Amino acid sequence: MQAHAILFPARLHDSGHPVHVVEGLAHNPRTVPDVARVVARHLAKNDRRGVLLAGHSKGGVIGK
């Protein structure tokens, strides 16, 4: 795992923001719409509303 993938969530957490990670998305070959559905299901299943999604590279596009 690249350092920024660990440091970015840690910095958010250390700044007082709760951080929740959607597991299994690193280096995924799936399409953006497919993964967007995975993230949407994760948010619904865990009752996450009013959240700010943060992502890197493809994860940033998925968050849109």
N, C-alpha and C. Protein backbone atom coordinates (compact mmCIF):
# COMPACT_ATOMS: atom_id res chain seq x y z
N MET A 1 0.85 -1.18 0.00
CA MET A 1 0.00 0.00 0.00
C MET A 1 0.90 1.24 0.00
N GLN A 2 0.52 2.23 -0.78
CA GLN A 2 1.32 3.43 -0.87
C GLN A 2 1.14 4.29 0.38
N ALA A 3 2.18 5.05 0.71
CA ALA A 3 2.17 5.84 1.94
C ALA A 3 1.00 6.81 2.00
N HIS A 4 0.66 7.47 0.89
CA HIS A 4 -0.44 8.45 0.92
C HIS A 4 -1.78 7.80 1.24
N ALA A 5 -1.92 6.51 0.87
CA ALA A 5 -3.17 5.80 1.16
C ALA A 5 -3.36 5.60 2.65
N ILE A 6 -2.27 5.61 3.40
CA ILE A 6 -2.33 5.47 4.86
C ILE A 6 -2.33 6.83 5.53
N LEU A 7 -1.50 7.74 5.05
CA LEU A 7 -1.33 9.03 5.71
C LEU A 7 -2.55 9.94 5.59
N PHE A 8 -3.21 9.94 4.45
CA PHE A 8 -4.35 10.83 4.26
C PHE A 8 -5.48 10.54 5.25
N PRO A 9 -5.94 9.28 5.36
CA PRO A 9 -6.98 9.00 6.37
C PRO A 9 -6.50 9.27 7.79
N ALA A 10 -5.24 8.98 8.06
CA ALA A 10 -4.71 9.20 9.41
C ALA A 10 -4.71 10.69 9.74
N ARG A 11 -4.38 11.54 8.78
CA ARG A 11 -4.39 12.99 9.02
C ARG A 11 -5.80 13.50 9.25
N LEU A 12 -6.76 12.98 8.50
CA LEU A 12 -8.16 13.37 8.72
C LEU A 12 -8.60 12.97 10.12
N HIS A 13 -8.29 11.73 10.50
CA HIS A 13 -8.65 11.23 11.82
C HIS A 13 -7.98 12.06 12.92
N ASP A 14 -6.71 12.33 12.76
CA ASP A 14 -5.97 13.10 13.76
C ASP A 14 -6.49 14.53 13.89
N SER A 15 -7.17 15.00 12.83
CA SER A 15 -7.76 16.35 12.87
C SER A 15 -9.16 16.35 13.48
N GLY A 16 -9.60 15.19 13.94
CA GLY A 16 -10.90 15.11 14.61
C GLY A 16 -12.05 14.63 13.75
N HIS A 17 -11.76 14.21 12.53
CA HIS A 17 -12.81 13.73 11.63
C HIS A 17 -12.93 12.22 11.72
N PRO A 18 -14.14 11.68 11.86
CA PRO A 18 -14.27 10.23 11.82
C PRO A 18 -13.95 9.72 10.41
N VAL A 19 -13.23 8.64 10.32
CA VAL A 19 -12.84 8.07 9.03
C VAL A 19 -13.38 6.65 8.95
N HIS A 20 -14.07 6.35 7.86
CA HIS A 20 -14.61 5.02 7.61
C HIS A 20 -14.11 4.58 6.24
N VAL A 21 -13.51 3.44 6.18
CA VAL A 21 -12.91 2.94 4.94
C VAL A 21 -13.80 1.87 4.32
N VAL A 22 -14.03 1.99 3.02
CA VAL A 22 -14.74 0.96 2.28
C VAL A 22 -13.66 -0.04 1.83
N GLU A 23 -13.68 -1.21 2.43
CA GLU A 23 -12.64 -2.21 2.16
C GLU A 23 -12.76 -2.80 0.76
N GLY A 24 -11.63 -3.25 0.24
CA GLY A 24 -11.62 -4.00 -1.00
C GLY A 24 -11.65 -3.18 -2.27
N LEU A 25 -11.40 -1.89 -2.20
CA LEU A 25 -11.47 -1.07 -3.41
C LEU A 25 -10.10 -0.73 -4.00
N ALA A 26 -9.03 -1.04 -3.31
CA ALA A 26 -7.70 -0.69 -3.80
C ALA A 26 -7.37 -1.46 -5.08
N HIS A 27 -6.85 -0.77 -6.04
CA HIS A 27 -6.39 -1.37 -7.30
C HIS A 27 -7.47 -2.23 -7.95
N ASN A 28 -8.69 -1.74 -7.95
CA ASN A 28 -9.77 -2.56 -8.51
C ASN A 28 -9.92 -2.30 -10.00
N PRO A 29 -10.22 -3.34 -10.76
CA PRO A 29 -10.38 -3.22 -12.21
C PRO A 29 -11.82 -2.91 -12.63
N ARG A 30 -12.72 -2.76 -11.67
CA ARG A 30 -14.14 -2.54 -11.99
C ARG A 30 -14.37 -1.14 -12.54
N THR A 31 -15.53 -0.96 -13.15
CA THR A 31 -15.87 0.35 -13.72
C THR A 31 -16.28 1.30 -12.61
N VAL A 32 -16.23 2.58 -12.92
CA VAL A 32 -16.62 3.61 -11.95
C VAL A 32 -18.07 3.41 -11.51
N PRO A 33 -19.03 3.20 -12.43
CA PRO A 33 -20.41 2.98 -11.97
C PRO A 33 -20.57 1.76 -11.06
N ASP A 34 -19.85 0.66 -11.36
CA ASP A 34 -19.93 -0.53 -10.51
C ASP A 34 -19.44 -0.24 -9.09
N VAL A 35 -18.32 0.43 -9.00
CA VAL A 35 -17.75 0.72 -7.67
C VAL A 35 -18.58 1.79 -6.96
N ALA A 36 -19.15 2.72 -7.70
CA ALA A 36 -20.03 3.72 -7.08
C ALA A 36 -21.20 3.03 -6.39
N ARG A 37 -21.72 1.97 -7.00
CA ARG A 37 -22.81 1.20 -6.38
C ARG A 37 -22.33 0.50 -5.11
N VAL A 38 -21.10 -0.01 -5.12
CA VAL A 38 -20.52 -0.64 -3.92
C VAL A 38 -20.45 0.38 -2.79
N VAL A 39 -19.97 1.57 -3.10
CA VAL A 39 -19.84 2.62 -2.08
C VAL A 39 -21.22 3.04 -1.58
N ALA A 40 -22.17 3.19 -2.49
CA ALA A 40 -23.53 3.58 -2.09
C ALA A 40 -24.15 2.54 -1.16
N ARG A 41 -23.94 1.26 -1.48
CA ARG A 41 -24.46 0.19 -0.60
C ARG A 41 -23.79 0.24 0.77
N HIS A 42 -22.49 0.49 0.77
CA HIS A 42 -21.75 0.58 2.04
C HIS A 42 -22.30 1.72 2.90
N LEU A 43 -22.53 2.86 2.28
CA LEU A 43 -23.07 4.02 3.02
C LEU A 43 -24.45 3.71 3.57
N ALA A 44 -25.30 3.10 2.76
CA ALA A 44 -26.66 2.78 3.21
C ALA A 44 -26.65 1.72 4.32
N LYS A 45 -25.85 0.68 4.13
CA LYS A 45 -25.78 -0.40 5.11
C LYS A 45 -25.30 0.09 6.46
N ASN A 46 -24.39 1.04 6.46
CA ASN A 46 -23.80 1.55 7.70
C ASN A 46 -24.44 2.86 8.16
N ASP A 47 -25.57 3.21 7.56
CA ASP A 47 -26.34 4.40 7.93
C ASP A 47 -25.47 5.65 7.97
N ARG A 48 -24.70 5.84 6.93
CA ARG A 48 -23.84 7.03 6.81
C ARG A 48 -24.55 8.07 5.96
N ARG A 49 -24.94 9.15 6.59
CA ARG A 49 -25.59 10.26 5.88
C ARG A 49 -24.82 11.53 6.15
N GLY A 50 -24.83 12.44 5.19
CA GLY A 50 -24.15 13.72 5.36
C GLY A 50 -22.64 13.58 5.46
N VAL A 51 -22.10 12.56 4.79
CA VAL A 51 -20.66 12.33 4.86
C VAL A 51 -19.93 13.05 3.74
N LEU A 52 -18.67 13.25 3.93
CA LEU A 52 -17.80 13.77 2.89
C LEU A 52 -16.97 12.60 2.41
N LEU A 53 -17.05 12.31 1.13
CA LEU A 53 -16.25 11.22 0.56
C LEU A 53 -14.92 11.78 0.09
N ALA A 54 -13.86 11.13 0.49
CA ALA A 54 -12.51 11.51 0.06
C ALA A 54 -11.88 10.32 -0.64
N GLY A 55 -11.30 10.55 -1.77
CA GLY A 55 -10.66 9.46 -2.50
C GLY A 55 -9.48 9.97 -3.29
N HIS A 56 -8.69 9.04 -3.75
CA HIS A 56 -7.51 9.35 -4.54
C HIS A 56 -7.66 8.70 -5.91
N SER A 57 -7.30 9.42 -6.94
CA SER A 57 -7.31 8.90 -8.30
C SER A 57 -8.71 8.41 -8.67
N LYS A 58 -8.86 7.15 -9.00
CA LYS A 58 -10.17 6.61 -9.39
C LYS A 58 -11.19 6.75 -8.27
N GLY A 59 -10.72 6.66 -7.02
CA GLY A 59 -11.62 6.83 -5.88
C GLY A 59 -12.23 8.22 -5.83
N GLY A 60 -11.48 9.21 -6.28
CA GLY A 60 -12.01 10.57 -6.32
C GLY A 60 -13.13 10.70 -7.34
N VAL A 61 -12.99 10.01 -8.47
CA VAL A 61 -14.04 10.03 -9.50
C VAL A 61 -15.26 9.28 -8.99
N ILE A 62 -15.06 8.17 -8.32
CA ILE A 62 -16.16 7.37 -7.79
C ILE A 62 -16.97 8.19 -6.79
N GLY A 63 -16.31 9.00 -5.99
CA GLY A 63 -16.97 9.81 -4.99
C GLY A 63 -17.88 10.89 -5.56
N LYS A 64 -17.65 11.24 -6.83
CA LYS A 64 -18.48 12.27 -7.45
C LYS A 64 -19.86 11.74 -7.68
